PDB file of N, CA and C in Angstrom:
ATOM      1  N   MET A   1     -36.232 167.319 -63.384  1.00  0.00           N
ATOM      2  CA  MET A   1     -36.915 167.805 -62.213  1.00  0.00           C
ATOM      3  C   MET A   1     -37.004 166.699 -61.162  1.00  0.00           C
ATOM      4  N   VAL A   2     -37.337 165.493 -61.592  1.00  0.00           N
ATOM      5  CA  VAL A   2     -37.454 164.368 -60.668  1.00  0.00           C
ATOM      6  C   VAL A   2     -36.106 164.065 -60.031  1.00  0.00           C
ATOM      7  N   ALA A   3     -35.059 164.024 -60.839  1.00  0.00           N
ATOM      8  CA  ALA A   3     -33.732 163.726 -60.318  1.00  0.00           C
ATOM      9  C   ALA A   3     -33.268 164.794 -59.338  1.00  0.00           C
ATOM     10  N   MET A   4     -33.515 166.059 -59.644  1.00  0.00           N
ATOM     11  CA  MET A   4     -33.099 167.145 -58.752  1.00  0.00           C
ATOM     12  C   MET A   4     -33.847 167.081 -57.429  1.00  0.00           C
ATOM     13  N   ALA A   5     -35.144 166.785 -57.473  1.00  0.00           N
ATOM     14  CA  ALA A   5     -35.929 166.678 -56.243  1.00  0.00           C
ATOM     15  C   ALA A   5     -35.451 165.508 -55.389  1.00  0.00           C
ATOM     16  N   ALA A   6     -35.141 164.395 -56.036  1.00  0.00           N
ATOM     17  CA  ALA A   6     -34.655 163.219 -55.299  1.00  0.00           C
ATOM     18  C   ALA A   6     -33.289 163.497 -54.673  1.00  0.00           C
ATOM     19  N   GLN A   7     -32.401 164.144 -55.413  1.00  0.00           N
ATOM     20  CA  GLN A   7     -31.074 164.466 -54.889  1.00  0.00           C
ATOM     21  C   GLN A   7     -31.146 165.470 -53.745  1.00  0.00           C
ATOM     22  N   SER A   8     -32.139 166.352 -53.793  1.00  0.00           N
ATOM     23  CA  SER A   8     -32.295 167.361 -52.755  1.00  0.00           C
ATOM     24  C   SER A   8     -33.019 166.825 -51.531  1.00  0.00           C
ATOM     25  N   GLY A   9     -33.520 165.598 -51.613  1.00  0.00           N
ATOM     26  CA  GLY A   9     -34.225 164.998 -50.487  1.00  0.00           C
ATOM     27  C   GLY A   9     -35.665 165.464 -50.353  1.00  0.00           C
ATOM     28  N   LEU A  10     -36.232 166.013 -51.402  1.00  0.00           N
ATOM     29  CA  LEU A  10     -37.614 166.493 -51.378  1.00  0.00           C
ATOM     30  C   LEU A  10     -38.563 165.376 -51.801  1.00  0.00           C
ATOM     31  N   LEU A  11     -38.502 164.261 -51.116  1.00  0.00           N
ATOM     32  CA  LEU A  11     -39.255 163.082 -51.525  1.00  0.00           C
ATOM     33  C   LEU A  11     -40.755 163.258 -51.355  1.00  0.00           C
ATOM     34  N   ASP A  12     -41.190 163.981 -50.313  1.00  0.00           N
ATOM     35  CA  ASP A  12     -42.625 164.221 -50.135  1.00  0.00           C
ATOM     36  C   ASP A  12     -43.178 165.064 -51.278  1.00  0.00           C
ATOM     37  N   GLN A  13     -42.428 166.106 -51.657  1.00  0.00           N
ATOM     38  CA  GLN A  13     -42.845 166.957 -52.766  1.00  0.00           C
ATOM     39  C   GLN A  13     -42.835 166.168 -54.070  1.00  0.00           C
ATOM     40  N   LEU A  14     -41.838 165.330 -54.255  1.00  0.00           N
ATOM     41  CA  LEU A  14     -41.737 164.497 -55.449  1.00  0.00           C
ATOM     42  C   LEU A  14     -42.915 163.534 -55.534  1.00  0.00           C
ATOM     43  N   GLU A  15     -43.272 162.923 -54.416  1.00  0.00           N
ATOM     44  CA  GLU A  15     -44.405 162.001 -54.393  1.00  0.00           C
ATOM     45  C   GLU A  15     -45.707 162.717 -54.745  1.00  0.00           C
ATOM     46  N   GLN A  16     -45.891 163.935 -54.241  1.00  0.00           N
ATOM     47  CA  GLN A  16     -47.091 164.719 -54.561  1.00  0.00           C
ATOM     48  C   GLN A  16     -47.140 165.075 -56.041  1.00  0.00           C
ATOM     49  N   THR A  17     -45.992 165.427 -56.597  1.00  0.00           N
ATOM     50  CA  THR A  17     -45.927 165.779 -58.020  1.00  0.00           C
ATOM     51  C   THR A  17     -46.258 164.575 -58.895  1.00  0.00           C
ATOM     52  N   ILE A  18     -45.705 163.421 -58.560  1.00  0.00           N
ATOM     53  CA  ILE A  18     -45.973 162.203 -59.330  1.00  0.00           C
ATOM     54  C   ILE A  18     -47.448 161.833 -59.231  1.00  0.00           C
ATOM     55  N   LYS A  19     -48.020 161.923 -58.038  1.00  0.00           N
ATOM     56  CA  LYS A  19     -49.447 161.602 -57.838  1.00  0.00           C
ATOM     57  C   LYS A  19     -50.322 162.542 -58.654  1.00  0.00           C
ATOM     58  N   ALA A  20     -49.998 163.840 -58.638  1.00  0.00           N
ATOM     59  CA  ALA A  20     -50.771 164.817 -59.409  1.00  0.00           C
ATOM     60  C   ALA A  20     -50.694 164.515 -60.904  1.00  0.00           C
ATOM     61  N   SER A  21     -49.511 164.137 -61.385  1.00  0.00           N
ATOM     62  CA  SER A  21     -49.347 163.798 -62.807  1.00  0.00           C
ATOM     63  C   SER A  21     -50.158 162.570 -63.179  1.00  0.00           C
ATOM     64  N   GLN A  22     -50.113 161.553 -62.325  1.00  0.00           N
ATOM     65  CA  GLN A  22     -50.877 160.337 -62.597  1.00  0.00           C
ATOM     66  C   GLN A  22     -52.386 160.619 -62.575  1.00  0.00           C
ATOM     67  N   ASP A  23     -52.822 161.451 -61.638  1.00  0.00           N
ATOM     68  CA  ASP A  23     -54.241 161.817 -61.581  1.00  0.00           C
ATOM     69  C   ASP A  23     -54.665 162.560 -62.842  1.00  0.00           C
ATOM     70  N   LEU A  24     -53.801 163.450 -63.339  1.00  0.00           N
ATOM     71  CA  LEU A  24     -54.098 164.182 -64.569  1.00  0.00           C
ATOM     72  C   LEU A  24     -54.205 163.228 -65.755  1.00  0.00           C
ATOM     73  N   MET A  25     -53.288 162.280 -65.859  1.00  0.00           N
ATOM     74  CA  MET A  25     -53.324 161.306 -66.963  1.00  0.00           C
ATOM     75  C   MET A  25     -54.611 160.479 -66.914  1.00  0.00           C
ATOM     76  N   GLN A  26     -55.020 160.062 -65.725  1.00  0.00           N
ATOM     77  CA  GLN A  26     -56.249 159.279 -65.594  1.00  0.00           C
ATOM     78  C   GLN A  26     -57.471 160.128 -65.945  1.00  0.00           C
ATOM     79  N   THR A  27     -57.452 161.403 -65.569  1.00  0.00           N
ATOM     80  CA  THR A  27     -58.556 162.303 -65.914  1.00  0.00           C
ATOM     81  C   THR A  27     -58.674 162.439 -67.423  1.00  0.00           C
ATOM     82  N   ILE A  28     -57.548 162.601 -68.095  1.00  0.00           N
ATOM     83  CA  ILE A  28     -57.555 162.705 -69.555  1.00  0.00           C
ATOM     84  C   ILE A  28     -58.051 161.412 -70.174  1.00  0.00           C
ATOM     85  N   ARG A  29     -57.569 160.292 -69.682  1.00  0.00           N
ATOM     86  CA  ARG A  29     -57.925 158.991 -70.250  1.00  0.00           C
ATOM     87  C   ARG A  29     -59.429 158.707 -70.124  1.00  0.00           C
ATOM     88  N   TYR A  30     -60.009 159.046 -68.988  1.00  0.00           N
ATOM     89  CA  TYR A  30     -61.413 158.703 -68.739  1.00  0.00           C
ATOM     90  C   TYR A  30     -62.346 159.906 -68.811  1.00  0.00           C
ATOM     91  N   PHE A  31     -61.926 160.988 -69.441  1.00  0.00           N
ATOM     92  CA  PHE A  31     -62.764 162.168 -69.600  1.00  0.00           C
ATOM     93  C   PHE A  31     -63.980 161.812 -70.438  1.00  0.00           C
ATOM     94  N   PRO A  32     -65.160 162.354 -70.112  1.00  0.00           N
ATOM     95  CA  PRO A  32     -66.377 161.976 -70.848  1.00  0.00           C
ATOM     96  C   PRO A  32     -66.355 162.345 -72.333  1.00  0.00           C
ATOM     97  N   LYS A  33     -65.573 163.321 -72.695  1.00  0.00           N
ATOM     98  CA  LYS A  33     -65.455 163.702 -74.109  1.00  0.00           C
ATOM     99  C   LYS A  33     -64.047 163.367 -74.577  1.00  0.00           C
ATOM    100  N   PRO A  34     -63.861 163.070 -75.859  1.00  0.00           N
ATOM    101  CA  PRO A  34     -62.539 162.697 -76.348  1.00  0.00           C
ATOM    102  C   PRO A  34     -61.531 163.838 -76.191  1.00  0.00           C
ATOM    103  N   VAL A  35     -60.345 163.488 -75.754  1.00  0.00           N
ATOM    104  CA  VAL A  35     -59.247 164.450 -75.626  1.00  0.00           C
ATOM    105  C   VAL A  35     -58.204 164.083 -76.680  1.00  0.00           C
ATOM    106  N   VAL A  36     -57.824 165.058 -77.492  1.00  0.00           N
ATOM    107  CA  VAL A  36     -56.842 164.844 -78.549  1.00  0.00           C
ATOM    108  C   VAL A  36     -55.537 165.510 -78.120  1.00  0.00           C
ATOM    109  N   THR A  37     -54.441 164.762 -78.163  1.00  0.00           N
ATOM    110  CA  THR A  37     -53.133 165.329 -77.866  1.00  0.00           C
ATOM    111  C   THR A  37     -52.417 165.632 -79.169  1.00  0.00           C
ATOM    112  N   ALA A  38     -51.505 166.586 -79.133  1.00  0.00           N
ATOM    113  CA  ALA A  38     -50.765 166.981 -80.331  1.00  0.00           C
ATOM    114  C   ALA A  38     -49.273 167.082 -80.007  1.00  0.00           C
ATOM    115  N   PRO A  39     -48.612 165.936 -79.803  1.00  0.00           N
ATOM    116  CA  PRO A  39     -47.187 165.977 -79.465  1.00  0.00           C
ATOM    117  C   PRO A  39     -46.320 166.345 -80.668  1.00  0.00           C
ATOM    118  N   TYR A  40     -45.201 167.009 -80.373  1.00  0.00           N
ATOM    119  CA  TYR A  40     -44.226 167.346 -81.418  1.00  0.00           C
ATOM    120  C   TYR A  40     -42.845 167.387 -80.803  1.00  0.00           C
ATOM    121  N   GLY A  41     -41.842 167.282 -81.631  1.00  0.00           N
ATOM    122  CA  GLY A  41     -40.461 167.332 -81.143  1.00  0.00           C
ATOM    123  C   GLY A  41     -40.103 166.072 -80.379  1.00  0.00           C
ATOM    124  N   LEU A  42     -39.761 166.238 -79.096  1.00  0.00           N
ATOM    125  CA  LEU A  42     -39.411 165.119 -78.232  1.00  0.00           C
ATOM    126  C   LEU A  42     -40.489 164.930 -77.178  1.00  0.00           C
ATOM    127  N   ALA A  43     -40.915 163.700 -76.987  1.00  0.00           N
ATOM    128  CA  ALA A  43     -41.832 163.353 -75.903  1.00  0.00           C
ATOM    129  C   ALA A  43     -41.183 162.190 -75.164  1.00  0.00           C
ATOM    130  N   LEU A  44     -40.518 162.499 -74.071  1.00  0.00           N
ATOM    131  CA  LEU A  44     -39.748 161.501 -73.344  1.00  0.00           C
ATOM    132  C   LEU A  44     -40.387 161.242 -71.988  1.00  0.00           C
ATOM    133  N   GLY A  45     -40.436 159.990 -71.573  1.00  0.00           N
ATOM    134  CA  GLY A  45     -40.935 159.636 -70.244  1.00  0.00           C
ATOM    135  C   GLY A  45     -42.343 160.129 -69.994  1.00  0.00           C
ATOM    136  N   GLY A  46     -42.473 161.103 -69.086  1.00  0.00           N
ATOM    137  CA  GLY A  46     -43.784 161.653 -68.734  1.00  0.00           C
ATOM    138  C   GLY A  46     -44.467 162.328 -69.916  1.00  0.00           C
ATOM    139  N   GLY A  47     -43.683 162.943 -70.788  1.00  0.00           N
ATOM    140  CA  GLY A  47     -44.254 163.554 -71.988  1.00  0.00           C
ATOM    141  C   GLY A  47     -44.869 162.509 -72.901  1.00  0.00           C
ATOM    142  N   ALA A  48     -44.220 161.347 -72.985  1.00  0.00           N
ATOM    143  CA  ALA A  48     -44.751 160.244 -73.783  1.00  0.00           C
ATOM    144  C   ALA A  48     -46.040 159.716 -73.156  1.00  0.00           C
ATOM    145  N   GLU A  49     -46.047 159.592 -71.824  1.00  0.00           N
ATOM    146  CA  GLU A  49     -47.259 159.137 -71.139  1.00  0.00           C
ATOM    147  C   GLU A  49     -48.411 160.096 -71.390  1.00  0.00           C
ATOM    148  N   PHE A  50     -48.121 161.384 -71.338  1.00  0.00           N
ATOM    149  CA  PHE A  50     -49.160 162.388 -71.593  1.00  0.00           C
ATOM    150  C   PHE A  50     -49.673 162.274 -73.026  1.00  0.00           C
ATOM    151  N   ALA A  51     -48.762 162.100 -73.981  1.00  0.00           N
ATOM    152  CA  ALA A  51     -49.138 162.032 -75.397  1.00  0.00           C
ATOM    153  C   ALA A  51     -50.039 160.842 -75.689  1.00  0.00           C
ATOM    154  N   ILE A  52     -49.849 159.717 -74.988  1.00  0.00           N
ATOM    155  CA  ILE A  52     -50.658 158.531 -75.271  1.00  0.00           C
ATOM    156  C   ILE A  52     -51.878 158.411 -74.357  1.00  0.00           C
ATOM    157  N   SER A  53     -52.089 159.395 -73.484  1.00  0.00           N
ATOM    158  CA  SER A  53     -53.241 159.352 -72.574  1.00  0.00           C
ATOM    159  C   SER A  53     -54.546 159.714 -73.265  1.00  0.00           C
ATOM    160  N   GLY A  54     -54.480 160.503 -74.295  1.00  0.00           N
ATOM    161  CA  GLY A  54     -55.699 160.969 -74.951  1.00  0.00           C
ATOM    162  C   GLY A  54     -56.365 159.897 -75.798  1.00  0.00           C
ATOM    163  N   ALA A  55     -57.580 160.212 -76.229  1.00  0.00           N
ATOM    164  CA  ALA A  55     -58.326 159.289 -77.084  1.00  0.00           C
ATOM    165  C   ALA A  55     -57.664 159.160 -78.456  1.00  0.00           C
ATOM    166  N   ARG A  56     -57.086 160.253 -78.929  1.00  0.00           N
ATOM    167  CA  ARG A  56     -56.382 160.271 -80.209  1.00  0.00           C
ATOM    168  C   ARG A  56     -55.171 161.183 -80.076  1.00  0.00           C
ATOM    169  N   ALA A  57     -54.170 160.916 -80.898  1.00  0.00           N
ATOM    170  CA  ALA A  57     -52.988 161.775 -80.966  1.00  0.00           C
ATOM    171  C   ALA A  57     -52.801 162.229 -82.402  1.00  0.00           C
ATOM    172  N   VAL A  58     -52.571 163.508 -82.578  1.00  0.00           N
ATOM    173  CA  VAL A  58     -52.231 164.067 -83.877  1.00  0.00           C
ATOM    174  C   VAL A  58     -50.765 164.450 -83.762  1.00  0.00           C
ATOM    175  N   ALA A  59     -49.906 163.551 -84.203  1.00  0.00           N
ATOM    176  CA  ALA A  59     -48.471 163.709 -83.980  1.00  0.00           C
ATOM    177  C   ALA A  59     -47.799 164.455 -85.119  1.00  0.00           C
ATOM    178  N   HIS A  60     -46.793 165.226 -84.777  1.00  0.00           N
ATOM    179  CA  HIS A  60     -45.963 165.925 -85.750  1.00  0.00           C
ATOM    180  C   HIS A  60     -45.178 164.890 -86.559  1.00  0.00           C
ATOM    181  N   ALA A  61     -44.838 165.213 -87.776  1.00  0.00           N
ATOM    182  CA  ALA A  61     -44.122 164.275 -88.654  1.00  0.00           C
ATOM    183  C   ALA A  61     -42.778 163.842 -88.080  1.00  0.00           C
ATOM    184  N   GLU A  62     -42.115 164.715 -87.344  1.00  0.00           N
ATOM    185  CA  GLU A  62     -40.808 164.373 -86.779  1.00  0.00           C
ATOM    186  C   GLU A  62     -40.879 164.266 -85.259  1.00  0.00           C
ATOM    187  N   LEU A  63     -41.852 163.533 -84.762  1.00  0.00           N
ATOM    188  CA  LEU A  63     -41.990 163.299 -83.328  1.00  0.00           C
ATOM    189  C   LEU A  63     -41.102 162.141 -82.919  1.00  0.00           C
ATOM    190  N   TYR A  64     -40.366 162.322 -81.847  1.00  0.00           N
ATOM    191  CA  TYR A  64     -39.571 161.252 -81.251  1.00  0.00           C
ATOM    192  C   TYR A  64     -40.148 160.996 -79.869  1.00  0.00           C
ATOM    193  N   ILE A  65     -40.759 159.821 -79.689  1.00  0.00           N
ATOM    194  CA  ILE A  65     -41.429 159.502 -78.443  1.00  0.00           C
ATOM    195  C   ILE A  65     -40.769 158.270 -77.825  1.00  0.00           C
ATOM    196  N   VAL A  66     -40.418 158.370 -76.550  1.00  0.00           N
ATOM    197  CA  VAL A  66     -39.691 157.293 -75.885  1.00  0.00           C
ATOM    198  C   VAL A  66     -40.202 157.111 -74.478  1.00  0.00           C
ATOM    199  N   LEU A  67     -40.585 155.885 -74.148  1.00  0.00           N
ATOM    200  CA  LEU A  67     -40.850 155.513 -72.764  1.00  0.00           C
ATOM    201  C   LEU A  67     -39.621 154.762 -72.292  1.00  0.00           C
ATOM    202  N   SER A  68     -39.110 155.112 -71.132  1.00  0.00           N
ATOM    203  CA  SER A  68     -37.895 154.450 -70.668  1.00  0.00           C
ATOM    204  C   SER A  68     -38.227 153.028 -70.203  1.00  0.00           C
ATOM    205  N   LYS A  69     -37.241 152.183 -70.304  1.00  0.00           N
ATOM    206  CA  LYS A  69     -37.376 150.795 -69.877  1.00  0.00           C
ATOM    207  C   LYS A  69     -37.266 150.714 -68.364  1.00  0.00           C
ATOM    208  N   SER A  70     -38.032 149.856 -67.756  1.00  0.00           N
ATOM    209  CA  SER A  70     -37.926 149.698 -66.303  1.00  0.00           C
ATOM    210  C   SER A  70     -36.655 148.938 -65.952  1.00  0.00           C
ATOM    211  N   ALA A  71     -36.203 149.083 -64.735  1.00  0.00           N
ATOM    212  CA  ALA A  71     -34.968 148.441 -64.290  1.00  0.00           C
ATOM    213  C   ALA A  71     -35.081 146.919 -64.288  1.00  0.00           C
ATOM    214  N   SER A  72     -36.305 146.393 -64.160  1.00  0.00           N
ATOM    215  CA  SER A  72     -36.481 144.943 -64.102  1.00  0.00           C
ATOM    216  C   SER A  72     -36.467 144.280 -65.480  1.00  0.00           C
ATOM    217  N   ASP A  73     -36.547 145.071 -66.555  1.00  0.00           N
ATOM    218  CA  ASP A  73     -36.564 144.504 -67.914  1.00  0.00           C
ATOM    219  C   ASP A  73     -35.175 144.241 -68.426  1.00  0.00           C
TER     220      ASP A  73
END
């Protein structure tokens, strides 16, 4: 979705989507009550960020979670 938006030149929409996602992750992280995530299958990039945002994660036995490396690393 990010790549398609960037290729289409929808940078303002892409920026709003990224901001909304980051705001959601921060809300989950600092929510007054514990939030438990339950990732399964593949959790790549943003899915991985979402999975680790909660207070606890109950992961499936065959979960594959990957955060991509930054270009500077």
